[in-house]
Amino acid sequence: MPVEFLNDDQAAGYGQFMGEPSRAELERSFFLYDTDRGLIGKRRGEHNRLGFAVQLGTVRYLGTFLTDPVDVPWSVVDYVAVQLGVADASVVKRYTEREKTAYEHAPAGVAGA
């Protein structure tokens, strides 16, 4: 994506989290709507549902997917896990066990976003 219109600091930070999102940012980008939940519910396994949901919010927040889809601040994972009723948010670490999963989920996340 062209970034010529960004200043140097903005370009350096593009596509990555620059610290913890605020509560308002979490609510704006990582709140799961009914349509989101429909997409998330199609994923097998708690770790896949949580990982997919984190990716969905990440693309809303950053405008892009991360190379490592779970390289997000832990507050993001916790916020999404609570909404999904996931008691142990650390299951998200299993999301990248199968390398292709995150890449297969990305188009579905964009279509639903």
Foldseek 3Di string as FASTA:
>chain_A
DDDPVPDPVCVVCAPHDPDDDDPVLCCVQQDADPLNCVLLVVDPDPLLSLLLSQQLSSCSNRVDAHPPSPNHPVVNLVSNCVVVVNPDSVSVVCNCVPVCSVVVSVVVSVVSD
